[in-house]
Amino acid sequence: MTKLLIVPAILVGLTGCAGVAFMAAGPPQAILYADAGTGHEATDNNIGKKKGEACASSILGLVTTGDAGIRAAADAGGITQISSVDNNFMNILGIYAKYCTIVSGGSGDGSGDNKE
């Protein structure tokens, strides 16, 4: 019986530590490799052509750096009217993980907006 429990315990241990830094965000998890996106929010604003991205990365879950906030992503894309917020998560063997927030929208002055 003990031998049967060892294999699952080892597999759980292999899920890696780097992804732990972003677990609260609720991105998809995987044991070997993950690169997936999820929709987060949408507003009533027109869908603009501008896009901004902000990321944070983690090494072994021990060191995490970056600002993956919505404000940072909007600033990176010059967006003042947000139409949608998406997230992308990448994890390689639990050694390196990256979490990004992608914001779409327009500037509010009509430039870069799609007013169809």
N, C-alpha and C. Protein backbone atom coordinates (compact mmCIF):
# COMPACT_ATOMS: atom_id res chain seq x y z
N MET A 1 0.83 -1.19 0.00
CA MET A 1 0.00 0.00 0.00
C MET A 1 0.87 1.25 0.00
N THR A 2 1.95 1.24 0.77
CA THR A 2 2.84 2.40 0.85
C THR A 2 3.45 2.70 -0.51
N LYS A 3 3.81 1.65 -1.25
CA LYS A 3 4.40 1.85 -2.58
C LYS A 3 3.41 2.51 -3.53
N LEU A 4 2.13 2.23 -3.38
CA LEU A 4 1.12 2.85 -4.23
C LEU A 4 0.97 4.34 -3.95
N LEU A 5 1.26 4.77 -2.76
CA LEU A 5 1.14 6.18 -2.40
C LEU A 5 2.38 6.99 -2.75
N ILE A 6 3.49 6.32 -2.95
CA ILE A 6 4.74 7.02 -3.26
C ILE A 6 4.67 7.70 -4.63
N VAL A 7 4.16 7.02 -5.64
CA VAL A 7 4.11 7.58 -6.99
C VAL A 7 3.26 8.85 -7.03
N PRO A 8 2.03 8.86 -6.49
CA PRO A 8 1.28 10.11 -6.50
C PRO A 8 1.97 11.23 -5.71
N ALA A 9 2.62 10.88 -4.62
CA ALA A 9 3.32 11.89 -3.83
C ALA A 9 4.47 12.50 -4.64
N ILE A 10 5.17 11.69 -5.39
CA ILE A 10 6.26 12.19 -6.23
C ILE A 10 5.70 13.09 -7.33
N LEU A 11 4.60 12.69 -7.95
CA LEU A 11 4.00 13.51 -9.02
C LEU A 11 3.54 14.86 -8.49
N VAL A 12 2.96 14.88 -7.31
CA VAL A 12 2.55 16.16 -6.72
C VAL A 12 3.77 17.02 -6.46
N GLY A 13 4.87 16.42 -6.01
CA GLY A 13 6.10 17.16 -5.76
C GLY A 13 6.71 17.73 -7.02
N LEU A 14 6.44 17.10 -8.15
CA LEU A 14 6.99 17.57 -9.42
C LEU A 14 6.19 18.71 -10.04
N THR A 15 5.10 19.11 -9.43
CA THR A 15 4.30 20.19 -10.02
C THR A 15 5.06 21.50 -10.00
N GLY A 16 6.11 21.59 -9.24
CA GLY A 16 6.97 22.75 -9.28
C GLY A 16 6.54 23.85 -8.33
N CYS A 17 7.51 24.64 -7.98
CA CYS A 17 7.29 25.71 -7.02
C CYS A 17 7.05 27.05 -7.68
N ALA A 18 7.56 27.26 -8.87
CA ALA A 18 7.44 28.58 -9.50
C ALA A 18 5.99 28.97 -9.73
N GLY A 19 5.16 28.02 -10.13
CA GLY A 19 3.75 28.31 -10.37
C GLY A 19 2.98 28.66 -9.12
N VAL A 20 3.49 28.28 -7.97
CA VAL A 20 2.83 28.57 -6.70
C VAL A 20 2.69 30.08 -6.51
N ALA A 21 3.61 30.83 -7.04
CA ALA A 21 3.57 32.29 -6.88
C ALA A 21 2.32 32.90 -7.49
N PHE A 22 1.71 32.24 -8.47
CA PHE A 22 0.56 32.79 -9.17
C PHE A 22 -0.71 31.98 -8.99
N MET A 23 -0.74 31.07 -8.04
CA MET A 23 -1.91 30.21 -7.85
C MET A 23 -3.16 31.00 -7.48
N ALA A 24 -3.03 32.07 -6.75
CA ALA A 24 -4.20 32.84 -6.33
C ALA A 24 -4.92 33.45 -7.51
N ALA A 25 -4.22 33.65 -8.62
CA ALA A 25 -4.83 34.25 -9.80
C ALA A 25 -5.73 33.26 -10.53
N GLY A 26 -5.61 31.99 -10.21
CA GLY A 26 -6.47 30.97 -10.78
C GLY A 26 -6.14 30.56 -12.20
N PRO A 27 -4.89 30.67 -12.65
CA PRO A 27 -4.58 30.23 -14.01
C PRO A 27 -4.52 28.72 -14.08
N PRO A 28 -4.62 28.17 -15.28
CA PRO A 28 -4.50 26.72 -15.45
C PRO A 28 -3.13 26.24 -14.97
N GLN A 29 -3.09 25.08 -14.38
CA GLN A 29 -1.84 24.50 -13.89
C GLN A 29 -1.52 23.23 -14.67
N ALA A 30 -0.25 22.88 -14.77
CA ALA A 30 0.18 21.65 -15.42
C ALA A 30 1.48 21.19 -14.78
N ILE A 31 1.78 19.92 -14.91
CA ILE A 31 2.97 19.37 -14.27
C ILE A 31 4.23 19.70 -15.06
N LEU A 32 4.23 19.48 -16.38
CA LEU A 32 5.44 19.68 -17.17
C LEU A 32 5.55 21.08 -17.77
N TYR A 33 4.49 21.49 -18.45
CA TYR A 33 4.53 22.76 -19.17
C TYR A 33 3.12 23.32 -19.29
N ALA A 34 2.98 24.59 -19.06
CA ALA A 34 1.69 25.26 -19.24
C ALA A 34 1.92 26.57 -19.97
N ASP A 35 1.07 26.87 -20.92
CA ASP A 35 1.06 28.15 -21.60
C ASP A 35 -0.38 28.37 -22.04
N ALA A 36 -1.15 29.01 -21.18
CA ALA A 36 -2.58 29.14 -21.42
C ALA A 36 -3.07 30.52 -21.04
N GLY A 37 -4.12 30.94 -21.68
CA GLY A 37 -4.72 32.23 -21.37
C GLY A 37 -6.14 32.05 -20.87
N THR A 38 -6.59 33.02 -20.10
CA THR A 38 -7.96 33.00 -19.60
C THR A 38 -8.54 34.40 -19.72
N GLY A 39 -9.83 34.46 -19.98
CA GLY A 39 -10.54 35.73 -19.98
C GLY A 39 -10.79 36.14 -18.54
N HIS A 40 -10.74 37.41 -18.29
CA HIS A 40 -10.92 37.87 -16.91
C HIS A 40 -12.13 38.76 -16.78
N GLU A 41 -12.17 39.86 -17.51
CA GLU A 41 -13.27 40.81 -17.40
C GLU A 41 -13.53 41.48 -18.74
N ALA A 42 -14.75 41.98 -18.89
CA ALA A 42 -15.11 42.78 -20.06
C ALA A 42 -15.98 43.94 -19.57
N THR A 43 -15.90 45.06 -20.27
CA THR A 43 -16.69 46.23 -19.91
C THR A 43 -17.62 46.59 -21.05
N ASP A 44 -18.39 47.63 -20.87
CA ASP A 44 -19.30 48.11 -21.92
C ASP A 44 -18.60 49.03 -22.92
N ASN A 45 -17.32 49.36 -22.68
CA ASN A 45 -16.58 50.23 -23.59
C ASN A 45 -16.39 49.54 -24.94
N ASN A 46 -16.32 50.34 -26.00
CA ASN A 46 -16.05 49.80 -27.33
C ASN A 46 -14.72 49.08 -27.34
N ILE A 47 -14.65 48.02 -28.13
CA ILE A 47 -13.39 47.28 -28.23
C ILE A 47 -12.44 48.11 -29.07
N GLY A 48 -11.33 48.51 -28.48
CA GLY A 48 -10.34 49.31 -29.18
C GLY A 48 -9.27 48.45 -29.80
N LYS A 49 -8.44 49.08 -30.60
CA LYS A 49 -7.35 48.36 -31.27
C LYS A 49 -6.08 48.33 -30.43
N LYS A 50 -6.07 49.08 -29.34
CA LYS A 50 -4.86 49.13 -28.52
C LYS A 50 -4.82 47.95 -27.55
N LYS A 51 -3.60 47.51 -27.29
CA LYS A 51 -3.39 46.40 -26.38
C LYS A 51 -2.16 46.69 -25.53
N GLY A 52 -2.24 46.41 -24.25
CA GLY A 52 -1.11 46.59 -23.36
C GLY A 52 -0.91 45.34 -22.53
N GLU A 53 0.33 45.05 -22.20
CA GLU A 53 0.66 43.84 -21.45
C GLU A 53 1.62 44.17 -20.31
N ALA A 54 1.39 43.54 -19.16
CA ALA A 54 2.27 43.69 -18.01
C ALA A 54 2.45 42.31 -17.39
N CYS A 55 3.70 41.98 -17.03
CA CYS A 55 4.00 40.62 -16.58
C CYS A 55 4.79 40.60 -15.28
N ALA A 56 4.66 39.49 -14.59
CA ALA A 56 5.49 39.18 -13.42
C ALA A 56 6.04 37.78 -13.65
N SER A 57 7.25 37.53 -13.17
CA SER A 57 7.85 36.21 -13.34
C SER A 57 8.38 35.69 -12.01
N SER A 58 8.50 34.37 -11.95
CA SER A 58 8.94 33.72 -10.72
C SER A 58 9.93 32.61 -11.04
N ILE A 59 10.95 32.49 -10.21
CA ILE A 59 11.92 31.42 -10.33
C ILE A 59 11.82 30.55 -9.08
N LEU A 60 11.43 29.29 -9.29
CA LEU A 60 11.27 28.30 -8.22
C LEU A 60 10.33 28.75 -7.11
N GLY A 61 9.54 29.76 -7.36
CA GLY A 61 8.64 30.26 -6.33
C GLY A 61 9.37 30.98 -5.21
N LEU A 62 10.67 31.15 -5.36
CA LEU A 62 11.48 31.80 -4.34
C LEU A 62 11.66 33.29 -4.62
N VAL A 63 11.78 33.63 -5.90
CA VAL A 63 11.97 35.02 -6.29
C VAL A 63 10.90 35.37 -7.32
N THR A 64 10.09 36.35 -7.02
CA THR A 64 9.05 36.81 -7.93
C THR A 64 9.21 38.30 -8.13
N THR A 65 9.25 38.72 -9.40
CA THR A 65 9.42 40.14 -9.71
C THR A 65 8.43 40.54 -10.80
N GLY A 66 8.14 41.82 -10.86
CA GLY A 66 7.31 42.36 -11.92
C GLY A 66 5.99 42.88 -11.40
N ASP A 67 5.30 43.62 -12.26
CA ASP A 67 3.99 44.18 -11.96
C ASP A 67 3.03 43.74 -13.05
N ALA A 68 2.17 42.79 -12.74
CA ALA A 68 1.21 42.28 -13.71
C ALA A 68 -0.18 42.88 -13.46
N GLY A 69 -0.21 44.08 -12.95
CA GLY A 69 -1.48 44.73 -12.65
C GLY A 69 -2.17 45.30 -13.87
N ILE A 70 -3.47 45.53 -13.73
CA ILE A 70 -4.26 46.09 -14.82
C ILE A 70 -3.78 47.50 -15.17
N ARG A 71 -3.48 48.31 -14.18
CA ARG A 71 -3.01 49.68 -14.42
C ARG A 71 -1.70 49.65 -15.20
N ALA A 72 -0.77 48.77 -14.84
CA ALA A 72 0.51 48.68 -15.54
C ALA A 72 0.30 48.27 -16.99
N ALA A 73 -0.62 47.34 -17.24
CA ALA A 73 -0.89 46.90 -18.61
C ALA A 73 -1.54 48.02 -19.42
N ALA A 74 -2.49 48.73 -18.80
CA ALA A 74 -3.14 49.85 -19.50
C ALA A 74 -2.14 50.94 -19.83
N ASP A 75 -1.27 51.27 -18.90
CA ASP A 75 -0.25 52.29 -19.14
C ASP A 75 0.69 51.86 -20.27
N ALA A 76 1.05 50.57 -20.31
CA ALA A 76 1.96 50.07 -21.34
C ALA A 76 1.35 50.19 -22.73
N GLY A 77 0.02 50.11 -22.82
CA GLY A 77 -0.64 50.21 -24.12
C GLY A 77 -1.22 51.59 -24.41
N GLY A 78 -1.04 52.54 -23.50
CA GLY A 78 -1.61 53.87 -23.69
C GLY A 78 -3.14 53.85 -23.68
N ILE A 79 -3.70 52.98 -22.85
CA ILE A 79 -5.15 52.77 -22.81
C ILE A 79 -5.75 53.52 -21.63
N THR A 80 -6.78 54.30 -21.91
CA THR A 80 -7.51 54.99 -20.84
C THR A 80 -8.93 54.46 -20.68
N GLN A 81 -9.45 53.80 -21.72
CA GLN A 81 -10.77 53.18 -21.64
C GLN A 81 -10.62 51.68 -21.89
N ILE A 82 -10.67 50.91 -20.82
CA ILE A 82 -10.45 49.46 -20.89
C ILE A 82 -11.73 48.77 -21.36
N SER A 83 -11.59 47.88 -22.35
CA SER A 83 -12.73 47.11 -22.82
C SER A 83 -12.66 45.65 -22.36
N SER A 84 -11.46 45.11 -22.20
CA SER A 84 -11.34 43.74 -21.71
C SER A 84 -10.00 43.53 -21.03
N VAL A 85 -10.00 42.55 -20.12
CA VAL A 85 -8.79 42.16 -19.40
C VAL A 85 -8.67 40.65 -19.50
N ASP A 86 -7.53 40.18 -19.99
CA ASP A 86 -7.25 38.75 -20.10
C ASP A 86 -5.96 38.45 -19.35
N ASN A 87 -5.73 37.19 -19.08
CA ASN A 87 -4.52 36.76 -18.40
C ASN A 87 -3.87 35.62 -19.16
N ASN A 88 -2.55 35.55 -19.09
CA ASN A 88 -1.80 34.45 -19.68
C ASN A 88 -0.83 33.93 -18.63
N PHE A 89 -0.71 32.62 -18.54
CA PHE A 89 0.16 31.98 -17.57
C PHE A 89 1.05 30.98 -18.29
N MET A 90 2.36 31.04 -17.99
CA MET A 90 3.31 30.10 -18.56
C MET A 90 4.15 29.52 -17.43
N ASN A 91 4.33 28.20 -17.43
CA ASN A 91 5.09 27.52 -16.39
C ASN A 91 5.91 26.41 -17.03
N ILE A 92 7.21 26.39 -16.77
CA ILE A 92 8.08 25.34 -17.30
C ILE A 92 8.64 24.54 -16.13
N LEU A 93 8.14 23.32 -15.97
CA LEU A 93 8.61 22.38 -14.96
C LEU A 93 8.63 22.95 -13.53
N GLY A 94 7.91 24.00 -13.29
CA GLY A 94 7.92 24.60 -11.96
C GLY A 94 9.19 25.36 -11.66
N ILE A 95 10.08 25.46 -12.64
CA ILE A 95 11.34 26.17 -12.44
C ILE A 95 11.14 27.66 -12.74
N TYR A 96 10.45 27.92 -13.85
CA TYR A 96 10.21 29.30 -14.26
C TYR A 96 8.72 29.47 -14.57
N ALA A 97 8.13 30.52 -14.06
CA ALA A 97 6.72 30.81 -14.35
C ALA A 97 6.58 32.29 -14.68
N LYS A 98 5.62 32.58 -15.54
CA LYS A 98 5.36 33.96 -15.94
C LYS A 98 3.85 34.16 -16.00
N TYR A 99 3.37 35.26 -15.42
CA TYR A 99 1.96 35.59 -15.40
C TYR A 99 1.79 36.98 -15.99
N CYS A 100 0.95 37.09 -17.01
CA CYS A 100 0.76 38.38 -17.69
C CYS A 100 -0.70 38.79 -17.69
N THR A 101 -0.91 40.09 -17.59
CA THR A 101 -2.24 40.69 -17.73
C THR A 101 -2.24 41.44 -19.05
N ILE A 102 -3.24 41.16 -19.89
CA ILE A 102 -3.36 41.79 -21.20
C ILE A 102 -4.64 42.62 -21.20
N VAL A 103 -4.50 43.91 -21.46
CA VAL A 103 -5.63 44.83 -21.46
C VAL A 103 -5.87 45.32 -22.88
N SER A 104 -7.12 45.33 -23.31
CA SER A 104 -7.50 45.87 -24.61
C SER A 104 -8.42 47.07 -24.39
N GLY A 105 -8.36 48.02 -25.31
CA GLY A 105 -9.23 49.18 -25.19
C GLY A 105 -8.78 50.30 -26.10
N GLY A 106 -9.16 51.50 -25.74
CA GLY A 106 -8.84 52.67 -26.53
C GLY A 106 -8.36 53.80 -25.65
N SER A 107 -8.08 54.91 -26.29
CA SER A 107 -7.54 56.05 -25.56
C SER A 107 -8.61 57.05 -25.15
N GLY A 108 -9.83 56.86 -25.61
CA GLY A 108 -10.89 57.77 -25.24
C GLY A 108 -10.99 58.99 -26.13
N ASP A 109 -9.94 59.26 -26.93
CA ASP A 109 -9.97 60.43 -27.82
C ASP A 109 -10.27 60.03 -29.25
N GLY A 110 -10.57 58.74 -29.44
CA GLY A 110 -10.90 58.25 -30.78
C GLY A 110 -9.72 57.68 -31.52
N SER A 111 -8.50 57.98 -31.10
CA SER A 111 -7.34 57.44 -31.79
C SER A 111 -7.11 56.01 -31.36
N GLY A 112 -7.03 55.11 -32.32
CA GLY A 112 -6.82 53.70 -32.02
C GLY A 112 -8.08 52.97 -31.60
N ASP A 113 -9.22 53.64 -31.64
CA ASP A 113 -10.46 53.00 -31.27
C ASP A 113 -11.14 52.44 -32.51
N ASN A 114 -11.87 51.37 -32.31
CA ASN A 114 -12.66 50.78 -33.37
C ASN A 114 -14.12 51.08 -33.06
N LYS A 115 -14.69 52.06 -33.71
CA LYS A 115 -16.05 52.53 -33.41
C LYS A 115 -17.09 51.96 -34.36
N GLU A 116 -16.90 50.74 -34.83
CA GLU A 116 -17.83 50.15 -35.79
C GLU A 116 -19.19 49.94 -35.19
